[in-house]
Amino acid sequence: MPQVASRGAILHAQRLLNIEGYPVVRIDSDGVTVILDEPLLREQFGIRS
């Protein structure tokens, strides 16, 4: 996947999942690695394990 397309997909995921400023999806300081905070995702959306 081209880098431009993947960045666009990541931005869309961030808009959908990072509600109220909680960083559920973020890009690591290396600028390459995408991090999904699963426990925060579950808490934010009321998803049980």
N, C-alpha and C. Protein backbone atom coordinates (compact mmCIF):
# COMPACT_ATOMS: atom_id res chain seq x y z
N MET A 1 0.85 -1.16 0.00
CA MET A 1 0.00 0.00 0.00
C MET A 1 0.90 1.24 0.00
N PRO A 2 0.64 2.18 -0.85
CA PRO A 2 1.44 3.40 -0.87
C PRO A 2 1.37 4.13 0.47
N GLN A 3 2.47 4.77 0.85
CA GLN A 3 2.55 5.45 2.13
C GLN A 3 1.47 6.53 2.26
N VAL A 4 1.19 7.25 1.20
CA VAL A 4 0.17 8.30 1.24
C VAL A 4 -1.20 7.71 1.55
N ALA A 5 -1.52 6.58 0.93
CA ALA A 5 -2.81 5.94 1.17
C ALA A 5 -2.91 5.42 2.59
N SER A 6 -1.83 4.85 3.12
CA SER A 6 -1.88 4.32 4.48
C SER A 6 -2.01 5.46 5.49
N ARG A 7 -1.35 6.58 5.25
CA ARG A 7 -1.49 7.73 6.16
C ARG A 7 -2.93 8.24 6.17
N GLY A 8 -3.55 8.26 5.00
CA GLY A 8 -4.95 8.68 4.91
C GLY A 8 -5.86 7.74 5.68
N ALA A 9 -5.62 6.45 5.57
CA ALA A 9 -6.42 5.46 6.30
C ALA A 9 -6.23 5.62 7.80
N ILE A 10 -5.01 5.89 8.22
CA ILE A 10 -4.73 6.09 9.65
C ILE A 10 -5.44 7.34 10.16
N LEU A 11 -5.41 8.41 9.39
CA LEU A 11 -6.10 9.64 9.79
C LEU A 11 -7.60 9.41 9.94
N HIS A 12 -8.18 8.64 9.03
CA HIS A 12 -9.61 8.33 9.14
C HIS A 12 -9.90 7.50 10.39
N ALA A 13 -9.06 6.52 10.67
CA ALA A 13 -9.23 5.71 11.87
C ALA A 13 -9.12 6.56 13.13
N GLN A 14 -8.19 7.50 13.12
CA GLN A 14 -8.04 8.39 14.28
C GLN A 14 -9.29 9.25 14.47
N ARG A 15 -9.85 9.77 13.40
CA ARG A 15 -11.06 10.59 13.50
C ARG A 15 -12.23 9.79 14.05
N LEU A 16 -12.31 8.53 13.67
CA LEU A 16 -13.41 7.68 14.13
C LEU A 16 -13.23 7.20 15.57
N LEU A 17 -12.02 6.88 15.96
CA LEU A 17 -11.78 6.21 17.23
C LEU A 17 -11.25 7.11 18.34
N ASN A 18 -10.61 8.20 18.00
CA ASN A 18 -10.03 9.07 19.03
C ASN A 18 -11.07 10.09 19.49
N ILE A 19 -12.11 9.59 20.12
CA ILE A 19 -13.21 10.43 20.58
C ILE A 19 -12.80 11.15 21.86
N GLU A 20 -13.18 12.41 21.95
CA GLU A 20 -12.91 13.24 23.13
C GLU A 20 -11.42 13.35 23.46
N GLY A 21 -10.59 13.25 22.43
CA GLY A 21 -9.15 13.44 22.63
C GLY A 21 -8.40 12.25 23.17
N TYR A 22 -9.07 11.11 23.37
CA TYR A 22 -8.37 9.92 23.86
C TYR A 22 -7.60 9.29 22.71
N PRO A 23 -6.30 9.06 22.87
CA PRO A 23 -5.47 8.54 21.77
C PRO A 23 -5.57 7.02 21.60
N VAL A 24 -6.71 6.56 21.11
CA VAL A 24 -6.91 5.12 20.88
C VAL A 24 -5.98 4.66 19.75
N VAL A 25 -5.91 5.44 18.69
CA VAL A 25 -5.00 5.15 17.57
C VAL A 25 -4.03 6.32 17.48
N ARG A 26 -2.74 6.01 17.48
CA ARG A 26 -1.73 7.06 17.37
C ARG A 26 -0.52 6.55 16.61
N ILE A 27 0.27 7.48 16.14
CA ILE A 27 1.51 7.14 15.45
C ILE A 27 2.65 7.34 16.44
N ASP A 28 3.50 6.34 16.55
CA ASP A 28 4.63 6.37 17.47
C ASP A 28 5.60 7.50 17.09
N SER A 29 6.47 7.84 18.01
CA SER A 29 7.44 8.92 17.78
C SER A 29 8.38 8.63 16.62
N ASP A 30 8.49 7.35 16.20
CA ASP A 30 9.34 7.04 15.06
C ASP A 30 8.71 7.47 13.73
N GLY A 31 7.40 7.84 13.78
CA GLY A 31 6.70 8.29 12.59
C GLY A 31 6.27 7.20 11.66
N VAL A 32 6.48 5.93 12.04
CA VAL A 32 6.18 4.80 11.17
C VAL A 32 5.20 3.83 11.82
N THR A 33 5.39 3.58 13.10
CA THR A 33 4.62 2.58 13.82
C THR A 33 3.27 3.14 14.26
N VAL A 34 2.19 2.40 13.93
CA VAL A 34 0.85 2.77 14.35
C VAL A 34 0.51 1.95 15.59
N ILE A 35 0.00 2.64 16.62
CA ILE A 35 -0.30 1.98 17.89
C ILE A 35 -1.79 2.04 18.14
N LEU A 36 -2.39 0.89 18.42
CA LEU A 36 -3.79 0.79 18.82
C LEU A 36 -3.80 0.44 20.29
N ASP A 37 -4.35 1.32 21.12
CA ASP A 37 -4.45 1.09 22.56
C ASP A 37 -5.74 0.31 22.81
N GLU A 38 -5.65 -1.01 22.78
CA GLU A 38 -6.84 -1.85 22.89
C GLU A 38 -7.59 -1.67 24.21
N PRO A 39 -6.89 -1.63 25.37
CA PRO A 39 -7.64 -1.41 26.61
C PRO A 39 -8.41 -0.08 26.61
N LEU A 40 -7.81 0.97 26.08
CA LEU A 40 -8.49 2.25 26.01
C LEU A 40 -9.66 2.19 25.03
N LEU A 41 -9.48 1.49 23.92
CA LEU A 41 -10.55 1.30 22.95
C LEU A 41 -11.75 0.62 23.60
N ARG A 42 -11.48 -0.45 24.35
CA ARG A 42 -12.56 -1.18 25.03
C ARG A 42 -13.26 -0.29 26.05
N GLU A 43 -12.50 0.47 26.80
CA GLU A 43 -13.08 1.36 27.81
C GLU A 43 -13.92 2.46 27.15
N GLN A 44 -13.37 3.06 26.13
CA GLN A 44 -14.02 4.19 25.46
C GLN A 44 -15.36 3.78 24.83
N PHE A 45 -15.44 2.57 24.30
CA PHE A 45 -16.64 2.14 23.59
C PHE A 45 -17.45 1.09 24.36
N GLY A 46 -17.07 0.82 25.61
CA GLY A 46 -17.83 -0.10 26.44
C GLY A 46 -17.83 -1.53 25.93
N ILE A 47 -16.68 -1.98 25.42
CA ILE A 47 -16.55 -3.33 24.88
C ILE A 47 -15.94 -4.23 25.97
N ARG A 48 -16.60 -5.33 26.25
CA ARG A 48 -16.08 -6.24 27.27
C ARG A 48 -15.14 -7.26 26.63
N SER A 49 -14.23 -7.73 27.42
CA SER A 49 -13.24 -8.73 26.95
C SER A 49 -13.87 -10.06 26.66
